[in-house]
Amino acid sequence: MSERFYLYDETEDTKTRFVSFMGDHQRFDLAIISSSRYYGKQLVLDVQSNRFAIIGQDDLDEEGYLEHAYRLSAEEAEELRDFLREVV
């Protein structure tokens, strides 16, 4: 076996917020991770669907972004978008 080639291997202290809420269409169980790695954006994990995305305000304004990243309907994505606008 050849020697492993790392692009990077760093450890960083992060802040994680766990939040669960029920929208009109779906329940969301999220882990929101703040780190300096993503240029002010946050890593948002949806524990229920096992999906994640790196999200900033600009991503919330991008049409279809949440629908694609989390495989949500337009209504479900709007509920998530409304919540994330408060915390991102």
N, C-alpha and C. Protein backbone atom coordinates (compact mmCIF):
# COMPACT_ATOMS: atom_id res chain seq x y z
N MET A 1 0.83 -1.18 0.00
CA MET A 1 0.00 0.00 0.00
C MET A 1 0.88 1.25 0.00
N SER A 2 0.53 2.22 -0.83
CA SER A 2 1.33 3.43 -0.92
C SER A 2 1.05 4.34 0.28
N GLU A 3 1.93 5.30 0.46
CA GLU A 3 1.79 6.24 1.57
C GLU A 3 0.60 7.18 1.34
N ARG A 4 -0.15 7.43 2.38
CA ARG A 4 -1.35 8.28 2.28
C ARG A 4 -0.94 9.73 2.02
N PHE A 5 -1.59 10.37 1.08
CA PHE A 5 -1.34 11.77 0.74
C PHE A 5 -2.49 12.63 1.27
N TYR A 6 -2.22 13.47 2.25
CA TYR A 6 -3.24 14.35 2.83
C TYR A 6 -3.25 15.70 2.14
N LEU A 7 -4.41 16.17 1.80
CA LEU A 7 -4.54 17.54 1.31
C LEU A 7 -4.51 18.50 2.49
N TYR A 8 -5.17 18.12 3.58
CA TYR A 8 -5.04 18.82 4.86
C TYR A 8 -5.52 17.91 5.97
N ASP A 9 -5.05 18.17 7.15
CA ASP A 9 -5.43 17.41 8.34
C ASP A 9 -5.33 18.38 9.51
N GLU A 10 -6.43 19.03 9.83
CA GLU A 10 -6.44 20.08 10.85
C GLU A 10 -7.51 19.80 11.88
N THR A 11 -7.31 20.30 13.07
CA THR A 11 -8.30 20.22 14.14
C THR A 11 -8.69 21.63 14.51
N GLU A 12 -10.00 21.84 14.69
CA GLU A 12 -10.50 23.17 14.99
C GLU A 12 -11.62 23.06 16.02
N ASP A 13 -11.67 24.00 16.95
CA ASP A 13 -12.80 24.08 17.87
C ASP A 13 -13.99 24.66 17.12
N THR A 14 -15.13 24.03 17.27
CA THR A 14 -16.34 24.49 16.60
C THR A 14 -17.44 24.69 17.62
N LYS A 15 -18.50 25.35 17.20
CA LYS A 15 -19.68 25.52 18.03
C LYS A 15 -20.83 24.84 17.29
N THR A 16 -21.55 23.95 17.98
CA THR A 16 -22.64 23.22 17.36
C THR A 16 -23.93 23.50 18.10
N ARG A 17 -24.97 23.84 17.34
CA ARG A 17 -26.31 24.04 17.90
C ARG A 17 -27.19 22.92 17.37
N PHE A 18 -27.85 22.21 18.27
CA PHE A 18 -28.80 21.18 17.89
C PHE A 18 -30.20 21.75 18.08
N VAL A 19 -31.01 21.67 17.05
CA VAL A 19 -32.36 22.23 17.13
C VAL A 19 -33.33 21.32 16.37
N SER A 20 -34.51 21.16 16.95
CA SER A 20 -35.56 20.37 16.32
C SER A 20 -36.82 21.21 16.33
N PHE A 21 -37.51 21.26 15.19
CA PHE A 21 -38.77 21.99 15.13
C PHE A 21 -39.70 21.32 14.14
N MET A 22 -40.97 21.54 14.37
CA MET A 22 -42.00 20.97 13.50
C MET A 22 -42.59 22.09 12.66
N GLY A 23 -42.48 21.96 11.35
CA GLY A 23 -43.12 22.91 10.44
C GLY A 23 -44.52 22.41 10.12
N ASP A 24 -45.18 23.07 9.20
CA ASP A 24 -46.52 22.64 8.78
C ASP A 24 -46.46 21.35 7.96
N HIS A 25 -45.29 21.10 7.32
CA HIS A 25 -45.18 19.97 6.40
C HIS A 25 -44.21 18.90 6.84
N GLN A 26 -43.28 19.25 7.72
CA GLN A 26 -42.22 18.29 8.06
C GLN A 26 -41.56 18.67 9.38
N ARG A 27 -40.98 17.67 10.03
CA ARG A 27 -40.16 17.89 11.21
C ARG A 27 -38.72 18.03 10.75
N PHE A 28 -37.99 18.95 11.37
CA PHE A 28 -36.58 19.14 11.07
C PHE A 28 -35.76 18.91 12.33
N ASP A 29 -34.75 18.08 12.24
CA ASP A 29 -33.78 17.85 13.31
C ASP A 29 -32.43 18.25 12.74
N LEU A 30 -31.90 19.36 13.21
CA LEU A 30 -30.71 19.94 12.61
C LEU A 30 -29.55 20.04 13.59
N ALA A 31 -28.37 19.92 13.06
CA ALA A 31 -27.13 20.26 13.76
C ALA A 31 -26.50 21.38 12.94
N ILE A 32 -26.31 22.53 13.56
CA ILE A 32 -25.77 23.70 12.86
C ILE A 32 -24.37 23.95 13.43
N ILE A 33 -23.37 23.78 12.60
CA ILE A 33 -21.98 23.84 13.03
C ILE A 33 -21.34 25.13 12.52
N SER A 34 -20.83 25.91 13.48
CA SER A 34 -20.12 27.15 13.14
C SER A 34 -18.62 26.89 13.22
N SER A 35 -17.93 27.33 12.18
CA SER A 35 -16.49 27.10 12.06
C SER A 35 -15.89 28.25 11.27
N SER A 36 -14.62 28.48 11.43
CA SER A 36 -13.96 29.52 10.63
C SER A 36 -13.58 28.99 9.24
N ARG A 37 -13.74 27.70 9.02
CA ARG A 37 -13.32 27.08 7.77
C ARG A 37 -14.13 27.51 6.56
N TYR A 38 -15.41 27.81 6.73
CA TYR A 38 -16.29 28.02 5.58
C TYR A 38 -16.62 29.48 5.32
N TYR A 39 -15.70 30.38 5.63
CA TYR A 39 -15.82 31.79 5.27
C TYR A 39 -17.12 32.42 5.75
N GLY A 40 -17.48 32.17 7.01
CA GLY A 40 -18.68 32.78 7.58
C GLY A 40 -19.95 31.98 7.34
N LYS A 41 -19.88 30.94 6.56
CA LYS A 41 -21.05 30.11 6.33
C LYS A 41 -21.09 29.01 7.40
N GLN A 42 -22.22 28.34 7.51
CA GLN A 42 -22.37 27.30 8.51
C GLN A 42 -22.69 25.97 7.85
N LEU A 43 -22.23 24.92 8.48
CA LEU A 43 -22.51 23.57 8.02
C LEU A 43 -23.80 23.13 8.69
N VAL A 44 -24.85 22.89 7.89
CA VAL A 44 -26.17 22.54 8.42
C VAL A 44 -26.47 21.09 8.06
N LEU A 45 -26.55 20.25 9.09
CA LEU A 45 -26.83 18.82 8.90
C LEU A 45 -28.28 18.55 9.26
N ASP A 46 -29.00 17.88 8.37
CA ASP A 46 -30.34 17.42 8.66
C ASP A 46 -30.21 15.96 9.09
N VAL A 47 -30.36 15.71 10.37
CA VAL A 47 -30.13 14.39 10.93
C VAL A 47 -31.15 13.39 10.41
N GLN A 48 -32.39 13.82 10.19
CA GLN A 48 -33.45 12.92 9.72
C GLN A 48 -33.14 12.37 8.31
N SER A 49 -32.73 13.25 7.41
CA SER A 49 -32.52 12.82 6.02
C SER A 49 -31.08 12.44 5.73
N ASN A 50 -30.18 12.67 6.71
CA ASN A 50 -28.77 12.35 6.52
C ASN A 50 -28.17 13.17 5.38
N ARG A 51 -28.56 14.44 5.28
CA ARG A 51 -28.06 15.36 4.25
C ARG A 51 -27.49 16.59 4.92
N PHE A 52 -26.58 17.26 4.23
CA PHE A 52 -25.98 18.46 4.79
C PHE A 52 -25.61 19.42 3.66
N ALA A 53 -25.42 20.69 4.05
CA ALA A 53 -24.98 21.70 3.10
C ALA A 53 -24.25 22.80 3.86
N ILE A 54 -23.36 23.49 3.18
CA ILE A 54 -22.69 24.66 3.72
C ILE A 54 -23.54 25.85 3.29
N ILE A 55 -24.07 26.59 4.28
CA ILE A 55 -25.09 27.59 3.98
C ILE A 55 -24.74 28.96 4.57
N GLY A 56 -24.89 29.97 3.73
CA GLY A 56 -24.80 31.37 4.12
C GLY A 56 -26.03 32.09 3.61
N GLN A 57 -26.13 33.37 3.91
CA GLN A 57 -27.29 34.16 3.47
C GLN A 57 -27.47 34.09 1.95
N ASP A 58 -26.37 34.14 1.21
CA ASP A 58 -26.47 34.10 -0.25
C ASP A 58 -27.08 32.79 -0.75
N ASP A 59 -26.82 31.70 -0.05
CA ASP A 59 -27.38 30.41 -0.44
C ASP A 59 -28.88 30.36 -0.18
N LEU A 60 -29.33 31.03 0.88
CA LEU A 60 -30.76 31.07 1.18
C LEU A 60 -31.53 31.83 0.12
N ASP A 61 -30.86 32.78 -0.53
CA ASP A 61 -31.49 33.58 -1.58
C ASP A 61 -31.46 32.88 -2.95
N GLU A 62 -30.65 31.84 -3.07
CA GLU A 62 -30.51 31.14 -4.35
C GLU A 62 -31.70 30.21 -4.57
N GLU A 63 -32.40 30.43 -5.64
CA GLU A 63 -33.60 29.64 -5.95
C GLU A 63 -33.26 28.16 -6.13
N GLY A 64 -33.98 27.31 -5.42
CA GLY A 64 -33.83 25.87 -5.56
C GLY A 64 -32.69 25.25 -4.78
N TYR A 65 -31.90 26.05 -4.08
CA TYR A 65 -30.72 25.52 -3.39
C TYR A 65 -31.11 24.53 -2.29
N LEU A 66 -31.98 24.95 -1.38
CA LEU A 66 -32.38 24.06 -0.29
C LEU A 66 -33.17 22.86 -0.80
N GLU A 67 -34.00 23.09 -1.80
CA GLU A 67 -34.77 21.99 -2.38
C GLU A 67 -33.83 20.89 -2.90
N HIS A 68 -32.79 21.31 -3.58
CA HIS A 68 -31.84 20.35 -4.14
C HIS A 68 -30.97 19.72 -3.04
N ALA A 69 -30.40 20.53 -2.17
CA ALA A 69 -29.46 20.03 -1.16
C ALA A 69 -30.10 19.05 -0.19
N TYR A 70 -31.35 19.31 0.17
CA TYR A 70 -32.03 18.47 1.16
C TYR A 70 -33.16 17.63 0.58
N ARG A 71 -33.33 17.69 -0.74
CA ARG A 71 -34.40 16.96 -1.43
C ARG A 71 -35.76 17.25 -0.79
N LEU A 72 -36.11 18.54 -0.78
CA LEU A 72 -37.36 19.00 -0.18
C LEU A 72 -38.31 19.53 -1.24
N SER A 73 -39.58 19.52 -0.92
CA SER A 73 -40.56 20.20 -1.77
C SER A 73 -40.39 21.70 -1.56
N ALA A 74 -41.01 22.49 -2.41
CA ALA A 74 -40.93 23.95 -2.28
C ALA A 74 -41.48 24.41 -0.94
N GLU A 75 -42.55 23.80 -0.47
CA GLU A 75 -43.16 24.19 0.80
C GLU A 75 -42.26 23.82 1.98
N GLU A 76 -41.69 22.64 1.95
CA GLU A 76 -40.79 22.21 3.01
C GLU A 76 -39.54 23.07 3.05
N ALA A 77 -38.99 23.37 1.88
CA ALA A 77 -37.80 24.20 1.80
C ALA A 77 -38.07 25.60 2.32
N GLU A 78 -39.24 26.14 2.09
CA GLU A 78 -39.57 27.48 2.57
C GLU A 78 -39.62 27.50 4.10
N GLU A 79 -40.12 26.44 4.71
CA GLU A 79 -40.12 26.36 6.19
C GLU A 79 -38.69 26.35 6.72
N LEU A 80 -37.83 25.57 6.10
CA LEU A 80 -36.44 25.52 6.52
C LEU A 80 -35.76 26.85 6.26
N ARG A 81 -36.01 27.45 5.11
CA ARG A 81 -35.42 28.75 4.76
C ARG A 81 -35.82 29.82 5.77
N ASP A 82 -37.08 29.85 6.17
CA ASP A 82 -37.54 30.84 7.15
C ASP A 82 -36.78 30.69 8.47
N PHE A 83 -36.58 29.45 8.90
CA PHE A 83 -35.84 29.22 10.14
C PHE A 83 -34.38 29.62 9.98
N LEU A 84 -33.75 29.20 8.89
CA LEU A 84 -32.31 29.45 8.71
C LEU A 84 -32.01 30.94 8.55
N ARG A 85 -32.93 31.71 8.03
CA ARG A 85 -32.72 33.16 7.93
C ARG A 85 -32.52 33.79 9.31
N GLU A 86 -33.10 33.17 10.34
CA GLU A 86 -32.95 33.67 11.71
C GLU A 86 -31.60 33.30 12.34
N VAL A 87 -30.99 32.21 11.88
CA VAL A 87 -29.81 31.71 12.57
C VAL A 87 -28.51 31.75 11.76
N VAL A 88 -28.60 31.87 10.46
CA VAL A 88 -27.39 31.88 9.63
C VAL A 88 -26.90 33.30 9.44
